[in-house]
Amino acid sequence: EDIREEVKKSAGNMYLTIKEEIDTMAANFRKSLAEMGDTLNNVETNLQNQIAIHNDAIAALRKEALKSLNDLETGIATENAERKKMYDQLNEKVAEGFARISAAIEKETIARE
């Protein structure tokens, strides 16, 4: 009977030791899961921050490209307006020249008659 008691006691101690180890492993596992969750949250936050930074950079580049395009269009429009003004002035001078030549020819023709 002493042996039975010894075995019972030993089995009880083994049970408690195993239960303690299982409880410790479970606690460590829960802690690891919590840390993984924190790590995942940090990774997600970092990714969101990186995306925001890249989106801001893309928006700034788009804005700069649009400004450059607008400046180019404005420059072309200004150049075209100046060119049209020059052509109009040139056409006016040519028309004046032809009018003077025509008047001179007409005057010469009348003088000959």
PDB file of N, CA and C in Angstrom:
ATOM      1  N   GLU A   1       0.826  -1.192   0.000  1.00  0.00           N
ATOM      2  CA  GLU A   1       0.000   0.000   0.000  1.00  0.00           C
ATOM      3  C   GLU A   1       0.872   1.259   0.000  1.00  0.00           C
ATOM      4  N   ASP A   2       2.003   1.212   0.655  1.00  0.00           N
ATOM      5  CA  ASP A   2       2.921   2.354   0.633  1.00  0.00           C
ATOM      6  C   ASP A   2       3.380   2.645  -0.788  1.00  0.00           C
ATOM      7  N   ILE A   3       3.586   1.549  -1.529  1.00  0.00           N
ATOM      8  CA  ILE A   3       4.038   1.718  -2.915  1.00  0.00           C
ATOM      9  C   ILE A   3       2.948   2.403  -3.723  1.00  0.00           C
ATOM     10  N   ARG A   4       1.696   1.990  -3.471  1.00  0.00           N
ATOM     11  CA  ARG A   4       0.585   2.637  -4.180  1.00  0.00           C
ATOM     12  C   ARG A   4       0.536   4.125  -3.862  1.00  0.00           C
ATOM     13  N   GLU A   5       0.692   4.443  -2.643  1.00  0.00           N
ATOM     14  CA  GLU A   5       0.692   5.852  -2.233  1.00  0.00           C
ATOM     15  C   GLU A   5       1.846   6.595  -2.889  1.00  0.00           C
ATOM     16  N   GLU A   6       3.001   5.944  -2.905  1.00  0.00           N
ATOM     17  CA  GLU A   6       4.183   6.539  -3.543  1.00  0.00           C
ATOM     18  C   GLU A   6       3.904   6.792  -5.015  1.00  0.00           C
ATOM     19  N   VAL A   7       3.316   5.793  -5.693  1.00  0.00           N
ATOM     20  CA  VAL A   7       3.014   5.913  -7.132  1.00  0.00           C
ATOM     21  C   VAL A   7       1.997   7.023  -7.344  1.00  0.00           C
ATOM     22  N   LYS A   8       0.963   7.057  -6.493  1.00  0.00           N
ATOM     23  CA  LYS A   8      -0.054   8.113  -6.602  1.00  0.00           C
ATOM     24  C   LYS A   8       0.574   9.482  -6.428  1.00  0.00           C
ATOM     25  N   LYS A   9       1.391   9.588  -5.402  1.00  0.00           N
ATOM     26  CA  LYS A   9       2.059  10.854  -5.109  1.00  0.00           C
ATOM     27  C   LYS A   9       2.965  11.249  -6.273  1.00  0.00           C
ATOM     28  N   SER A  10       3.722  10.284  -6.765  1.00  0.00           N
ATOM     29  CA  SER A  10       4.629  10.536  -7.879  1.00  0.00           C
ATOM     30  C   SER A  10       3.836  10.931  -9.124  1.00  0.00           C
ATOM     31  N   ALA A  11       2.730  10.230  -9.384  1.00  0.00           N
ATOM     32  CA  ALA A  11       1.883  10.547 -10.539  1.00  0.00           C
ATOM     33  C   ALA A  11       1.290  11.941 -10.381  1.00  0.00           C
ATOM     34  N   GLY A  12       0.867  12.262  -9.162  1.00  0.00           N
ATOM     35  CA  GLY A  12       0.324  13.602  -8.904  1.00  0.00           C
ATOM     36  C   GLY A  12       1.362  14.680  -9.161  1.00  0.00           C
ATOM     37  N   ASN A  13       2.578  14.428  -8.685  1.00  0.00           N
ATOM     38  CA  ASN A  13       3.667  15.395  -8.913  1.00  0.00           C
ATOM     39  C   ASN A  13       3.980  15.545 -10.405  1.00  0.00           C
ATOM     40  N   MET A  14       4.002  14.392 -11.118  1.00  0.00           N
ATOM     41  CA  MET A  14       4.257  14.432 -12.562  1.00  0.00           C
ATOM     42  C   MET A  14       3.150  15.217 -13.269  1.00  0.00           C
ATOM     43  N   TYR A  15       1.895  14.964 -12.842  1.00  0.00           N
ATOM     44  CA  TYR A  15       0.761  15.678 -13.434  1.00  0.00           C
ATOM     45  C   TYR A  15       0.924  17.181 -13.233  1.00  0.00           C
ATOM     46  N   LEU A  16       1.253  17.577 -11.988  1.00  0.00           N
ATOM     47  CA  LEU A  16       1.415  19.003 -11.700  1.00  0.00           C
ATOM     48  C   LEU A  16       2.569  19.603 -12.504  1.00  0.00           C
ATOM     49  N   THR A  17       3.665  18.851 -12.602  1.00  0.00           N
ATOM     50  CA  THR A  17       4.820  19.327 -13.370  1.00  0.00           C
ATOM     51  C   THR A  17       4.439  19.499 -14.841  1.00  0.00           C
ATOM     52  N   ILE A  18       3.766  18.480 -15.404  1.00  0.00           N
ATOM     53  CA  ILE A  18       3.348  18.548 -16.816  1.00  0.00           C
ATOM     54  C   ILE A  18       2.348  19.679 -17.013  1.00  0.00           C
ATOM     55  N   LYS A  19       1.383  19.814 -16.082  1.00  0.00           N
ATOM     56  CA  LYS A  19       0.384  20.887 -16.176  1.00  0.00           C
ATOM     57  C   LYS A  19       1.074  22.246 -16.143  1.00  0.00           C
ATOM     58  N   GLU A  20       2.052  22.402 -15.236  1.00  0.00           N
ATOM     59  CA  GLU A  20       2.813  23.658 -15.153  1.00  0.00           C
ATOM     60  C   GLU A  20       3.520  23.957 -16.470  1.00  0.00           C
ATOM     61  N   GLU A  21       4.161  22.921 -17.029  1.00  0.00           N
ATOM     62  CA  GLU A  21       4.870  23.105 -18.295  1.00  0.00           C
ATOM     63  C   GLU A  21       3.899  23.477 -19.417  1.00  0.00           C
ATOM     64  N   ILE A  22       2.745  22.794 -19.446  1.00  0.00           N
ATOM     65  CA  ILE A  22       1.737  23.104 -20.471  1.00  0.00           C
ATOM     66  C   ILE A  22       1.218  24.522 -20.284  1.00  0.00           C
ATOM     67  N   ASP A  23       0.939  24.907 -19.034  1.00  0.00           N
ATOM     68  CA  ASP A  23       0.467  26.272 -18.766  1.00  0.00           C
ATOM     69  C   ASP A  23       1.512  27.306 -19.189  1.00  0.00           C
ATOM     70  N   THR A  24       2.784  27.014 -18.886  1.00  0.00           N
ATOM     71  CA  THR A  24       3.873  27.922 -19.273  1.00  0.00           C
ATOM     72  C   THR A  24       3.967  28.015 -20.793  1.00  0.00           C
ATOM     73  N   MET A  25       3.888  26.850 -21.469  1.00  0.00           N
ATOM     74  CA  MET A  25       3.946  26.847 -22.936  1.00  0.00           C
ATOM     75  C   MET A  25       2.762  27.616 -23.523  1.00  0.00           C
ATOM     76  N   ALA A  26       1.570  27.426 -22.944  1.00  0.00           N
ATOM     77  CA  ALA A  26       0.378  28.124 -23.430  1.00  0.00           C
ATOM     78  C   ALA A  26       0.533  29.633 -23.236  1.00  0.00           C
ATOM     79  N   ALA A  27       1.052  30.031 -22.073  1.00  0.00           N
ATOM     80  CA  ALA A  27       1.263  31.462 -21.803  1.00  0.00           C
ATOM     81  C   ALA A  27       2.286  32.039 -22.779  1.00  0.00           C
ATOM     82  N   ASN A  28       3.373  31.302 -22.999  1.00  0.00           N
ATOM     83  CA  ASN A  28       4.396  31.755 -23.953  1.00  0.00           C
ATOM     84  C   ASN A  28       3.827  31.852 -25.366  1.00  0.00           C
ATOM     85  N   PHE A  29       2.984  30.874 -25.719  1.00  0.00           N
ATOM     86  CA  PHE A  29       2.366  30.876 -27.046  1.00  0.00           C
ATOM     87  C   PHE A  29       1.445  32.093 -27.200  1.00  0.00           C
ATOM     88  N   ARG A  30       0.622  32.351 -26.164  1.00  0.00           N
ATOM     89  CA  ARG A  30      -0.272  33.525 -26.212  1.00  0.00           C
ATOM     90  C   ARG A  30       0.541  34.813 -26.317  1.00  0.00           C
ATOM     91  N   LYS A  31       1.643  34.881 -25.560  1.00  0.00           N
ATOM     92  CA  LYS A  31       2.522  36.056 -25.600  1.00  0.00           C
ATOM     93  C   LYS A  31       3.115  36.218 -27.007  1.00  0.00           C
ATOM     94  N   SER A  32       3.564  35.100 -27.589  1.00  0.00           N
ATOM     95  CA  SER A  32       4.127  35.148 -28.945  1.00  0.00           C
ATOM     96  C   SER A  32       3.081  35.618 -29.950  1.00  0.00           C
ATOM     97  N   LEU A  33       1.856  35.102 -29.805  1.00  0.00           N
ATOM     98  CA  LEU A  33       0.774  35.530 -30.700  1.00  0.00           C
ATOM     99  C   LEU A  33       0.516  37.030 -30.568  1.00  0.00           C
ATOM    100  N   ALA A  34       0.505  37.507 -29.330  1.00  0.00           N
ATOM    101  CA  ALA A  34       0.282  38.941 -29.101  1.00  0.00           C
ATOM    102  C   ALA A  34       1.403  39.757 -29.734  1.00  0.00           C
ATOM    103  N   GLU A  35       2.649  39.288 -29.563  1.00  0.00           N
ATOM    104  CA  GLU A  35       3.790  39.999 -30.157  1.00  0.00           C
ATOM    105  C   GLU A  35       3.715  39.975 -31.679  1.00  0.00           C
ATOM    106  N   MET A  36       3.284  38.821 -32.235  1.00  0.00           N
ATOM    107  CA  MET A  36       3.133  38.743 -33.688  1.00  0.00           C
ATOM    108  C   MET A  36       2.068  39.721 -34.163  1.00  0.00           C
ATOM    109  N   GLY A  37       0.985  39.815 -33.387  1.00  0.00           N
ATOM    110  CA  GLY A  37      -0.071  40.774 -33.731  1.00  0.00           C
ATOM    111  C   GLY A  37       0.471  42.189 -33.729  1.00  0.00           C
ATOM    112  N   ASP A  38       1.260  42.518 -32.692  1.00  0.00           N
ATOM    113  CA  ASP A  38       1.872  43.854 -32.626  1.00  0.00           C
ATOM    114  C   ASP A  38       2.801  44.077 -33.813  1.00  0.00           C
ATOM    115  N   THR A  39       3.594  43.034 -34.120  1.00  0.00           N
ATOM    116  CA  THR A  39       4.528  43.146 -35.249  1.00  0.00           C
ATOM    117  C   THR A  39       3.759  43.358 -36.546  1.00  0.00           C
ATOM    118  N   LEU A  40       2.687  42.589 -36.730  1.00  0.00           N
ATOM    119  CA  LEU A  40       1.871  42.750 -37.944  1.00  0.00           C
ATOM    120  C   LEU A  40       1.253  44.145 -38.008  1.00  0.00           C
ATOM    121  N   ASN A  41       0.785  44.632 -36.866  1.00  0.00           N
ATOM    122  CA  ASN A  41       0.225  45.990 -36.833  1.00  0.00           C
ATOM    123  C   ASN A  41       1.285  47.018 -37.200  1.00  0.00           C
ATOM    124  N   ASN A  42       2.503  46.823 -36.673  1.00  0.00           N
ATOM    125  CA  ASN A  42       3.600  47.746 -37.003  1.00  0.00           C
ATOM    126  C   ASN A  42       3.939  47.690 -38.483  1.00  0.00           C
ATOM    127  N   VAL A  43       3.984  46.479 -39.034  1.00  0.00           N
ATOM    128  CA  VAL A  43       4.273  46.321 -40.469  1.00  0.00           C
ATOM    129  C   VAL A  43       3.184  47.004 -41.290  1.00  0.00           C
ATOM    130  N   GLU A  44       1.934  46.780 -40.906  1.00  0.00           N
ATOM    131  CA  GLU A  44       0.816  47.394 -41.634  1.00  0.00           C
ATOM    132  C   GLU A  44       0.898  48.917 -41.554  1.00  0.00           C
ATOM    133  N   THR A  45       1.178  49.436 -40.367  1.00  0.00           N
ATOM    134  CA  THR A  45       1.305  50.887 -40.196  1.00  0.00           C
ATOM    135  C   THR A  45       2.448  51.430 -41.044  1.00  0.00           C
ATOM    136  N   ASN A  46       3.590  50.732 -41.020  1.00  0.00           N
ATOM    137  CA  ASN A  46       4.733  51.169 -41.829  1.00  0.00           C
ATOM    138  C   ASN A  46       4.394  51.155 -43.308  1.00  0.00           C
ATOM    139  N   LEU A  47       3.705  50.108 -43.752  1.00  0.00           N
ATOM    140  CA  LEU A  47       3.309  50.037 -45.166  1.00  0.00           C
ATOM    141  C   LEU A  47       2.358  51.174 -45.527  1.00  0.00           C
ATOM    142  N   GLN A  48       1.403  51.437 -44.653  1.00  0.00           N
ATOM    143  CA  GLN A  48       0.474  52.541 -44.910  1.00  0.00           C
ATOM    144  C   GLN A  48       1.223  53.868 -44.980  1.00  0.00           C
ATOM    145  N   ASN A  49       2.199  54.053 -44.093  1.00  0.00           N
ATOM    146  CA  ASN A  49       3.002  55.283 -44.119  1.00  0.00           C
ATOM    147  C   ASN A  49       3.801  55.385 -45.410  1.00  0.00           C
ATOM    148  N   GLN A  50       4.401  54.267 -45.837  1.00  0.00           N
ATOM    149  CA  GLN A  50       5.177  54.271 -47.084  1.00  0.00           C
ATOM    150  C   GLN A  50       4.280  54.568 -48.282  1.00  0.00           C
ATOM    151  N   ILE A  51       3.091  53.967 -48.287  1.00  0.00           N
ATOM    152  CA  ILE A  51       2.140  54.226 -49.375  1.00  0.00           C
ATOM    153  C   ILE A  51       1.770  55.702 -49.391  1.00  0.00           C
ATOM    154  N   ALA A  52       1.508  56.267 -48.221  1.00  0.00           N
ATOM    155  CA  ALA A  52       1.153  57.692 -48.142  1.00  0.00           C
ATOM    156  C   ALA A  52       2.295  58.557 -48.657  1.00  0.00           C
ATOM    157  N   ILE A  53       3.537  58.217 -48.273  1.00  0.00           N
ATOM    158  CA  ILE A  53       4.703  58.986 -48.735  1.00  0.00           C
ATOM    159  C   ILE A  53       4.809  58.905 -50.251  1.00  0.00           C
ATOM    160  N   HIS A  54       4.661  57.691 -50.800  1.00  0.00           N
ATOM    161  CA  HIS A  54       4.760  57.526 -52.253  1.00  0.00           C
ATOM    162  C   HIS A  54       3.616  58.248 -52.967  1.00  0.00           C
ATOM    163  N   ASN A  55       2.408  58.158 -52.392  1.00  0.00           N
ATOM    164  CA  ASN A  55       1.268  58.858 -53.000  1.00  0.00           C
ATOM    165  C   ASN A  55       1.498  60.365 -53.006  1.00  0.00           C
ATOM    166  N   ASP A  56       2.062  60.887 -51.910  1.00  0.00           N
ATOM    167  CA  ASP A  56       2.373  62.322 -51.856  1.00  0.00           C
ATOM    168  C   ASP A  56       3.411  62.688 -52.908  1.00  0.00           C
ATOM    169  N   ALA A  57       4.425  61.825 -53.049  1.00  0.00           N
ATOM    170  CA  ALA A  57       5.473  62.092 -54.043  1.00  0.00           C
ATOM    171  C   ALA A  57       4.894  62.055 -55.451  1.00  0.00           C
ATOM    172  N   ILE A  58       4.029  61.079 -55.713  1.00  0.00           N
ATOM    173  CA  ILE A  58       3.394  60.975 -57.035  1.00  0.00           C
ATOM    174  C   ILE A  58       2.524  62.198 -57.286  1.00  0.00           C
ATOM    175  N   ALA A  59       1.770  62.622 -56.276  1.00  0.00           N
ATOM    176  CA  ALA A  59       0.917  63.807 -56.430  1.00  0.00           C
ATOM    177  C   ALA A  59       1.767  65.042 -56.716  1.00  0.00           C
ATOM    178  N   ALA A  60       2.898  65.167 -56.027  1.00  0.00           N
ATOM    179  CA  ALA A  60       3.789  66.315 -56.256  1.00  0.00           C
ATOM    180  C   ALA A  60       4.363  66.276 -57.673  1.00  0.00           C
ATOM    181  N   LEU A  61       4.752  65.082 -58.126  1.00  0.00           N
ATOM    182  CA  LEU A  61       5.275  64.952 -59.493  1.00  0.00           C
ATOM    183  C   LEU A  61       4.206  65.284 -60.526  1.00  0.00           C
ATOM    184  N   ARG A  62       2.983  64.799 -60.289  1.00  0.00           N
ATOM    185  CA  ARG A  62       1.874  65.112 -61.209  1.00  0.00           C
ATOM    186  C   ARG A  62       1.635  66.617 -61.256  1.00  0.00           C
ATOM    187  N   LYS A  63       1.643  67.236 -60.070  1.00  0.00           N
ATOM    188  CA  LYS A  63       1.407  68.678 -59.996  1.00  0.00           C
ATOM    189  C   LYS A  63       2.491  69.429 -60.766  1.00  0.00           C
ATOM    190  N   GLU A  64       3.746  69.022 -60.573  1.00  0.00           N
ATOM    191  CA  GLU A  64       4.869  69.668 -61.264  1.00  0.00           C
ATOM    192  C   GLU A  64       4.778  69.444 -62.768  1.00  0.00           C
ATOM    193  N   ALA A  65       4.413  68.218 -63.170  1.00  0.00           N
ATOM    194  CA  ALA A  65       4.277  67.917 -64.599  1.00  0.00           C
ATOM    195  C   ALA A  65       3.153  68.742 -65.213  1.00  0.00           C
ATOM    196  N   LEU A  66       2.043  68.861 -64.492  1.00  0.00           N
ATOM    197  CA  LEU A  66       0.916  69.655 -64.987  1.00  0.00           C
ATOM    198  C   LEU A  66       1.304  71.121 -65.101  1.00  0.00           C
ATOM    199  N   LYS A  67       2.043  71.626 -64.111  1.00  0.00           N
ATOM    200  CA  LYS A  67       2.509  73.013 -64.162  1.00  0.00           C
ATOM    201  C   LYS A  67       3.429  73.215 -65.363  1.00  0.00           C
ATOM    202  N   SER A  68       4.349  72.270 -65.579  1.00  0.00           N
ATOM    203  CA  SER A  68       5.261  72.368 -66.723  1.00  0.00           C
ATOM    204  C   SER A  68       4.487  72.343 -68.031  1.00  0.00           C
ATOM    205  N   LEU A  69       3.489  71.468 -68.098  1.00  0.00           N
ATOM    206  CA  LEU A  69       2.666  71.386 -69.305  1.00  0.00           C
ATOM    207  C   LEU A  69       1.903  72.687 -69.522  1.00  0.00           C
ATOM    208  N   ASN A  70       1.339  73.225 -68.450  1.00  0.00           N
ATOM    209  CA  ASN A  70       0.617  74.499 -68.561  1.00  0.00           C
ATOM    210  C   ASN A  70       1.557  75.620 -68.988  1.00  0.00           C
ATOM    211  N   ASP A  71       2.767  75.644 -68.406  1.00  0.00           N
ATOM    212  CA  ASP A  71       3.759  76.655 -68.795  1.00  0.00           C
ATOM    213  C   ASP A  71       4.116  76.517 -70.267  1.00  0.00           C
ATOM    214  N   LEU A  72       4.284  75.280 -70.713  1.00  0.00           N
ATOM    215  CA  LEU A  72       4.616  75.028 -72.116  1.00  0.00           C
ATOM    216  C   LEU A  72       3.478  75.487 -73.024  1.00  0.00           C
ATOM    217  N   GLU A  73       2.241  75.134 -72.651  1.00  0.00           N
ATOM    218  CA  GLU A  73       1.085  75.551 -73.452  1.00  0.00           C
ATOM    219  C   GLU A  73       0.973  77.073 -73.487  1.00  0.00           C
ATOM    220  N   THR A  74       1.217  77.715 -72.346  1.00  0.00           N
ATOM    221  CA  THR A  74       1.171  79.180 -72.292  1.00  0.00           C
ATOM    222  C   THR A  74       2.255  79.769 -73.183  1.00  0.00           C
ATOM    223  N   GLY A  75       3.456  79.193 -73.110  1.00  0.00           N
ATOM    224  CA  GLY A  75       4.564  79.667 -73.946  1.00  0.00           C
ATOM    225  C   GLY A  75       4.254  79.512 -75.422  1.00  0.00           C
ATOM    226  N   ILE A  76       3.688  78.371 -75.793  1.00  0.00           N
ATOM    227  CA  ILE A  76       3.331  78.137 -77.197  1.00  0.00           C
ATOM    228  C   ILE A  76       2.256  79.120 -77.633  1.00  0.00           C
ATOM    229  N   ALA A  77       1.246  79.325 -76.781  1.00  0.00           N
ATOM    230  CA  ALA A  77       0.169  80.261 -77.124  1.00  0.00           C
ATOM    231  C   ALA A  77       0.723  81.675 -77.286  1.00  0.00           C
ATOM    232  N   THR A  78       1.624  82.075 -76.393  1.00  0.00           N
ATOM    233  CA  THR A  78       2.234  83.410 -76.477  1.00  0.00           C
ATOM    234  C   THR A  78       3.056  83.534 -77.757  1.00  0.00           C
ATOM    235  N   GLU A  79       3.841  82.498 -78.041  1.00  0.00           N
ATOM    236  CA  GLU A  79       4.669  82.516 -79.254  1.00  0.00           C
ATOM    237  C   GLU A  79       3.792  82.565 -80.502  1.00  0.00           C
ATOM    238  N   ASN A  80       2.718  81.799 -80.512  1.00  0.00           N
ATOM    239  CA  ASN A  80       1.798  81.812 -81.659  1.00  0.00           C
ATOM    240  C   ASN A  80       1.145  83.178 -81.830  1.00  0.00           C
ATOM    241  N   ALA A  81       0.774  83.805 -80.714  1.00  0.00           N
ATOM    242  CA  ALA A  81       0.157  85.136 -80.780  1.00  0.00           C
ATOM    243  C   ALA A  81       1.161  86.150 -81.324  1.00  0.00           C
ATOM    244  N   GLU A  82       2.413  86.069 -80.863  1.00  0.00           N
ATOM    245  CA  GLU A  82       3.446  86.992 -81.356  1.00  0.00           C
ATOM    246  C   GLU A  82       3.716  86.757 -82.841  1.00  0.00           C
ATOM    247  N   ARG A  83       3.764  85.479 -83.221  1.00  0.00           N
ATOM    248  CA  ARG A  83       3.992  85.140 -84.628  1.00  0.00           C
ATOM    249  C   ARG A  83       2.846  85.672 -85.495  1.00  0.00           C
ATOM    250  N   LYS A  84       1.602  85.512 -85.033  1.00  0.00           N
ATOM    251  CA  LYS A  84       0.439  86.010 -85.788  1.00  0.00           C
ATOM    252  C   LYS A  84       0.513  87.522 -85.924  1.00  0.00           C
ATOM    253  N   LYS A  85       0.891  88.192 -84.834  1.00  0.00           N
ATOM    254  CA  LYS A  85       1.017  89.651 -84.867  1.00  0.00           C
ATOM    255  C   LYS A  85       2.067  90.063 -85.900  1.00  0.00           C
ATOM    256  N   MET A  86       3.209  89.347 -85.920  1.00  0.00           N
ATOM    257  CA  MET A  86       4.266  89.659 -86.898  1.00  0.00           C
ATOM    258  C   MET A  86       3.763  89.437 -88.319  1.00  0.00           C
ATOM    259  N   TYR A  87       3.064  88.314 -88.554  1.00  0.00           N
ATOM    260  CA  TYR A  87       2.535  88.043 -89.897  1.00  0.00           C
ATOM    261  C   TYR A  87       1.509  89.095 -90.301  1.00  0.00           C
ATOM    262  N   ASP A  88       0.654  89.480 -89.344  1.00  0.00           N
ATOM    263  CA  ASP A  88      -0.341  90.519 -89.649  1.00  0.00           C
ATOM    264  C   ASP A  88       0.351  91.825 -90.025  1.00  0.00           C
ATOM    265  N   GLN A  89       1.390  92.201 -89.255  1.00  0.00           N
ATOM    266  CA  GLN A  89       2.133  93.435 -89.569  1.00  0.00           C
ATOM    267  C   GLN A  89       2.827  93.316 -90.923  1.00  0.00           C
ATOM    268  N   LEU A  90       3.409  92.150 -91.193  1.00  0.00           N
ATOM    269  CA  LEU A  90       4.080  91.930 -92.477  1.00  0.00           C
ATOM    270  C   LEU A  90       3.074  92.009 -93.623  1.00  0.00           C
ATOM    271  N   ASN A  91       1.924  91.366 -93.464  1.00  0.00           N
ATOM    272  CA  ASN A  91       0.882  91.414 -94.498  1.00  0.00           C
ATOM    273  C   ASN A  91       0.394  92.841 -94.717  1.00  0.00           C
ATOM    274  N   GLU A  92       0.294  93.595 -93.616  1.00  0.00           N
ATOM    275  CA  GLU A  92      -0.133  95.000 -93.723  1.00  0.00           C
ATOM    276  C   GLU A  92       0.895  95.804 -94.519  1.00  0.00           C
ATOM    277  N   LYS A  93       2.185  95.587 -94.217  1.00  0.00           N
ATOM    278  CA  LYS A  93       3.249  96.310 -94.939  1.00  0.00           C
ATOM    279  C   LYS A  93       3.280  95.900 -96.409  1.00  0.00           C
ATOM    280  N   VAL A  94       3.081  94.596 -96.680  1.00  0.00           N
ATOM    281  CA  VAL A  94       3.042  94.127 -98.075  1.00  0.00           C
ATOM    282  C   VAL A  94       1.865  94.774 -98.800  1.00  0.00           C
ATOM    283  N   ALA A  95       0.705  94.810 -98.133  1.00  0.00           N
ATOM    284  CA  ALA A  95      -0.479  95.428 -98.744  1.00  0.00           C
ATOM    285  C   ALA A  95      -0.230  96.905 -99.009  1.00  0.00           C
ATOM    286  N   GLU A  96       0.409  97.606 -98.054  1.00  0.00           N
ATOM    287  CA  GLU A  96       0.742  99.027 -98.256  1.00  0.00           C
ATOM    288  C   GLU A  96       1.701  99.182 -99.441  1.00  0.00           C
ATOM    289  N   GLY A  97       2.685  98.284 -99.517  1.00  0.00           N
ATOM    290  CA  GLY A  97       3.654  98.329-100.625  1.00  0.00           C
ATOM    291  C   GLY A  97       2.964  98.122-101.959  1.00  0.00           C
ATOM    292  N   PHE A  98       2.085  97.113-102.019  1.00  0.00           N
ATOM    293  CA  PHE A  98       1.348  96.879-103.264  1.00  0.00           C
ATOM    294  C   PHE A  98       0.464  98.067-103.606  1.00  0.00           C
ATOM    295  N   ALA A  99      -0.149  98.673-102.601  1.00  0.00           N
ATOM    296  CA  ALA A  99      -1.012  99.840-102.848  1.00  0.00           C
ATOM    297  C   ALA A  99      -0.184 100.981-103.420  1.00  0.00           C
ATOM    298  N   ARG A 100       1.013 101.210-102.868  1.00  0.00           N
ATOM    299  CA  ARG A 100       1.882 102.283-103.386  1.00  0.00           C
ATOM    300  C   ARG A 100       2.335 101.982-104.820  1.00  0.00           C
ATOM    301  N   ILE A 101       2.710 100.699-105.033  1.00  0.00           N
ATOM    302  CA  ILE A 101       3.151 100.318-106.384  1.00  0.00           C
ATOM    303  C   ILE A 101       2.000 100.480-107.371  1.00  0.00           C
ATOM    304  N   SER A 102       0.801 100.013-106.962  1.00  0.00           N
ATOM    305  CA  SER A 102      -0.373 100.139-107.841  1.00  0.00           C
ATOM    306  C   SER A 102      -0.673 101.600-108.125  1.00  0.00           C
ATOM    307  N   ALA A 103      -0.583 102.441-107.094  1.00  0.00           N
ATOM    308  CA  ALA A 103      -0.847 103.878-107.278  1.00  0.00           C
ATOM    309  C   ALA A 103       0.196 104.482-108.213  1.00  0.00           C
ATOM    310  N   ALA A 104       1.458 104.076-108.044  1.00  0.00           N
ATOM    311  CA  ALA A 104       2.524 104.608-108.902  1.00  0.00           C
ATOM    312  C   ALA A 104       2.321 104.160-110.341  1.00  0.00           C
ATOM    313  N   ILE A 105       1.939 102.882-110.511  1.00  0.00           N
ATOM    314  CA  ILE A 105       1.699 102.379-111.875  1.00  0.00           C
ATOM    315  C   ILE A 105       0.531 103.124-112.496  1.00  0.00           C
ATOM    316  N   GLU A 106      -0.515 103.299-111.723  1.00  0.00           N
ATOM    317  CA  GLU A 106      -1.696 104.010-112.243  1.00  0.00           C
ATOM    318  C   GLU A 106      -1.343 105.449-112.597  1.00  0.00           C
ATOM    319  N   LYS A 107      -0.564 106.085-111.740  1.00  0.00           N
ATOM    320  CA  LYS A 107      -0.133 107.468-111.980  1.00  0.00           C
ATOM    321  C   LYS A 107       0.722 107.536-113.254  1.00  0.00           C
ATOM    322  N   GLU A 108       1.611 106.556-113.405  1.00  0.00           N
ATOM    323  CA  GLU A 108       2.482 106.499-114.588  1.00  0.00           C
ATOM    324  C   GLU A 108       1.648 106.267-115.842  1.00  0.00           C
ATOM    325  N   THR A 109       0.646 105.380-115.698  1.00  0.00           N
ATOM    326  CA  THR A 109      -0.219 105.080-116.848  1.00  0.00           C
ATOM    327  C   THR A 109      -0.997 106.322-117.254  1.00  0.00           C
ATOM    328  N   ILE A 110      -1.521 107.047-116.293  1.00  0.00           N
ATOM    329  CA  ILE A 110      -2.284 108.278-116.589  1.00  0.00           C
ATOM    330  C   ILE A 110      -1.370 109.319-117.211  1.00  0.00           C
ATOM    331  N   ALA A 111      -0.153 109.408-116.723  1.00  0.00           N
ATOM    332  CA  ALA A 111       0.796 110.397-117.248  1.00  0.00           C
ATOM    333  C   ALA A 111       1.145 110.066-118.695  1.00  0.00           C
ATOM    334  N   ARG A 112       1.196 108.806-119.068  1.00  0.00           N
ATOM    335  CA  ARG A 112       1.535 108.420-120.438  1.00  0.00           C
ATOM    336  C   ARG A 112       0.385 108.689-121.385  1.00  0.00           C
ATOM    337  N   GLU A 113      -0.789 108.598-120.868  1.00  0.00           N
ATOM    338  CA  GLU A 113      -1.942 108.798-121.740  1.00  0.00           C
ATOM    339  C   GLU A 113      -2.085 110.245-121.991  1.00  0.00           C
TER     340      GLU A 113
END
